Protein backbone atom coordinates (compact mmCIF):
# COMPACT_ATOMS: atom_id res chain seq x y z
CA MET A 1 -25.39 113.18 185.42
CA SER A 2 -26.68 112.27 181.99
CA ARG A 3 -24.65 112.51 178.83
CA GLY A 4 -26.98 115.24 177.47
CA SER A 5 -26.55 117.46 180.52
CA GLU A 6 -22.78 117.03 180.40
CA SER A 7 -22.76 117.88 176.71
CA GLY A 8 -24.83 121.02 177.31
CA ARG A 9 -22.56 122.18 180.10
CA ILE A 10 -19.45 121.51 178.04
CA THR A 11 -20.92 123.63 175.23
CA VAL A 12 -21.54 126.52 177.64
CA LEU A 13 -18.05 126.16 179.14
CA LEU A 14 -16.31 126.06 175.75
CA ALA A 15 -18.34 129.01 174.48
CA ALA A 16 -17.62 131.06 177.61
CA THR A 17 -13.91 130.26 177.42
CA THR A 18 -13.76 131.19 173.75
CA PHE A 19 -15.62 134.48 174.23
CA ALA A 20 -13.50 135.43 177.26
CA ALA A 21 -10.23 134.56 175.54
CA THR A 22 -11.20 136.52 172.43
CA ASP A 23 -11.90 139.65 174.46
CA LEU A 24 -8.81 139.31 176.67
CA LEU A 25 -6.61 138.92 173.57
CA ALA A 26 -8.24 141.97 171.98
CA LYS A 27 -7.66 143.95 175.19
CA ALA A 28 -3.98 142.99 175.24
CA ALA A 29 -3.59 143.89 171.56
CA SER A 30 -5.39 147.21 172.14
CA GLU A 31 -3.13 148.16 175.04
CA THR A 32 -0.11 147.49 172.86
CA GLY A 33 -1.31 148.83 169.51
CA LEU A 34 -3.55 151.71 170.57
CA ALA A 35 -1.46 153.22 173.39
CA ALA A 36 -0.33 156.19 171.28
CA SER A 37 -2.97 156.37 168.54
CA SER A 38 -6.42 155.29 167.40
CA VAL A 39 -7.63 153.62 164.22
CA ASP A 40 -10.59 155.03 162.29
CA LEU A 41 -12.70 152.31 160.63
CA GLY A 42 -15.56 154.58 159.58
CA LEU A 43 -18.51 153.98 161.91
CA LEU A 44 -16.18 152.44 164.48
CA GLN A 45 -12.90 153.64 165.93
CA LEU A 46 -10.38 151.57 167.80
CA ARG A 47 -9.48 153.82 170.73
CA LEU A 48 -7.94 152.85 174.05
CA ALA A 49 -9.89 153.84 177.17
CA TYR A 50 -10.22 152.60 180.72
CA ASN A 51 -13.42 152.29 182.78
CA ALA A 52 -13.14 152.31 186.56
CA GLY A 53 -16.91 151.94 186.93
CA VAL A 54 -19.45 149.53 185.53
CA ALA A 55 -21.88 150.20 182.67
CA PHE A 56 -21.36 153.70 181.25
CA GLY A 57 -18.82 154.44 183.97
CA MET A 58 -21.40 154.37 186.77
CA GLY A 59 -19.80 153.74 190.13
CA ASP A 60 -16.39 154.99 189.02
CA THR A 61 -15.89 156.77 192.36
CA LEU A 62 -16.44 153.58 194.38
CA PRO A 63 -13.37 151.71 195.65
CA SER A 64 -12.11 149.44 192.86
CA ALA A 65 -12.07 146.43 195.21
CA LEU A 66 -15.79 146.91 195.90
CA VAL A 67 -16.60 147.17 192.18
CA LEU A 68 -14.53 144.03 191.56
CA VAL A 69 -16.28 142.05 194.31
CA LEU A 70 -19.74 143.15 193.18
CA THR A 71 -19.13 142.42 189.49
CA ALA A 72 -17.52 139.07 190.34
CA ALA A 73 -20.54 138.16 192.50
CA VAL A 74 -22.98 139.05 189.72
CA GLY A 75 -20.83 137.14 187.20
CA ALA A 76 -20.71 134.09 189.50
CA GLY A 77 -24.48 134.20 189.91
CA ILE A 78 -24.94 134.32 186.13
CA ALA A 79 -22.51 131.43 185.69
CA VAL A 80 -24.30 129.26 188.27
CA TYR A 81 -27.66 129.98 186.64
CA GLY A 82 -26.24 129.20 183.18
CA TRP A 83 -24.67 125.98 184.43
CA ARG A 84 -27.97 124.82 185.90
CA GLN A 85 -29.98 125.76 182.79
CA ALA A 86 -27.54 124.28 180.26
CA PRO A 87 -28.96 120.72 180.21
CA ARG A 88 -32.43 122.04 179.28
CA ALA A 89 -31.29 124.80 176.92
CA SER A 90 -31.15 124.72 173.14
CA ARG A 91 -27.81 125.04 171.36
CA VAL A 92 -28.52 128.72 170.63
CA GLU A 93 -29.31 129.35 174.30
CA ARG A 94 -26.13 127.56 175.36
CA LEU A 95 -24.02 129.71 173.04
CA ALA A 96 -25.80 132.88 174.18
CA GLY A 97 -25.28 131.86 177.81
CA GLY A 98 -21.63 131.22 177.04
CA ALA A 99 -21.40 134.73 175.55
CA VAL A 100 -22.87 136.26 178.72
CA ILE A 101 -20.66 134.21 181.05
CA GLY A 102 -17.54 134.72 178.93
CA GLY A 103 -18.12 138.46 178.63
CA ALA A 104 -18.66 138.82 182.36
CA ALA A 105 -15.60 136.69 183.15
CA ALA A 106 -13.36 138.63 180.77
CA ASN A 107 -14.32 141.96 182.36
CA VAL A 108 -13.83 140.60 185.88
CA ILE A 109 -10.43 139.14 184.96
CA ASP A 110 -9.40 142.43 183.35
CA ARG A 111 -10.60 144.48 186.34
CA ALA A 112 -8.79 142.18 188.80
CA ARG A 113 -5.50 143.14 187.17
CA ASP A 114 -5.52 146.87 187.91
CA GLY A 115 -9.00 147.94 189.00
CA VAL A 116 -10.24 149.09 185.58
CA VAL A 117 -11.71 147.51 182.47
CA THR A 118 -9.95 148.10 179.16
CA ASP A 119 -12.25 149.46 176.46
CA TYR A 120 -11.28 149.84 172.80
CA LEU A 121 -14.39 150.13 170.59
CA HIS A 122 -15.67 153.67 170.06
CA THR A 123 -18.60 154.82 167.93
CA GLY A 124 -18.79 158.51 168.80
CA TRP A 125 -22.47 158.18 169.74
CA TRP A 126 -22.10 155.49 172.43
CA PRO A 127 -19.65 155.17 175.34
CA THR A 128 -16.44 153.32 174.49
CA PHE A 129 -16.84 149.58 175.10
CA ASN A 130 -15.15 146.23 174.43
CA LEU A 131 -16.00 142.85 172.94
CA ALA A 132 -16.91 141.46 176.37
CA ASP A 133 -19.61 144.13 176.65
CA ALA A 134 -20.86 143.26 173.16
CA PHE A 135 -20.90 139.55 174.05
CA LEU A 136 -22.86 140.25 177.24
CA VAL A 137 -25.47 142.42 175.56
CA THR A 138 -25.87 140.15 172.53
CA GLY A 139 -26.13 137.05 174.72
CA PHE A 140 -28.78 138.64 176.94
CA ILE A 141 -30.78 139.82 173.92
CA VAL A 142 -30.71 136.35 172.34
CA LEU A 143 -31.75 134.73 175.62
CA ALA A 144 -34.58 137.24 176.10
CA LEU A 145 -35.83 136.73 172.55
CA ARG A 146 -35.71 132.95 172.96
CA GLN A 147 -37.83 133.23 176.11
CA THR A 148 -40.54 135.22 174.32
CA ARG A 149 -41.14 132.63 171.62
CA PRO A 150 -44.71 131.28 171.56
CA ASP A 151 -43.57 127.67 172.03
CA ARG A 152 -41.75 128.69 175.22
CA ALA A 153 -44.69 130.60 176.62
CA SER A 154 -47.18 127.81 175.95
CA GLY A 155 -44.90 125.04 177.12
CA THR A 156 -44.96 123.19 173.80
CA PRO A 157 -41.79 121.47 172.63
CA GLU A 158 -39.35 123.26 170.35
CA ALA A 159 -39.39 122.56 166.65
CA GLY A 160 -37.33 119.51 165.85
CA THR A 161 -37.73 117.88 169.24
CA GLY A 162 -40.01 115.11 168.11
CA SER A 163 -43.44 116.71 168.21
CA SER A 164 -44.83 117.35 164.74
CA SER A 165 -48.30 118.53 165.69
CA PRO A 166 -49.05 122.05 166.92
CA ALA A 167 -50.43 122.62 170.38
CA VAL A 168 -54.20 122.66 170.59
CA VAL A 169 -55.71 125.42 172.66
CA ASP A 170 -59.36 125.42 173.71
CA ARG A 171 -60.91 128.84 173.63
CA PRO A 172 -64.05 129.71 175.59
């Protein structure tokens, strides 16, 4: 394994660990501080809620063990993919991948405890969610946007990777 691939994987691992720990600490603080009340921050409220399902509560009538196994399997698949892609990914992609993996891991760890995911961020116009959900969504959006860049689509190197001339395309 080359030093660059190890460095990329370490970046993803550290990012995922940081994102997961941040959410798990926020969940613990929410369960303690928001058990009897909520906090109004204007556009956002801190309000304790529990989700037995997955996104938007879908699947909340399924057995919690099944939901845990399915979400853990999806999370493991994402982690394996991220681990394999890390050596070729840019720093931004590594951090975004770490956000996705860390968010997924935090929700799986939380669900493994008691069969539900702790939510604490409420807008009034969107279902209550948590930082892990925000990390997942943001990470996926960043990764999707990075994949749509013209230099990705055409196979030309990224800016700053040593190629100073633009790609030449012959048109009929």
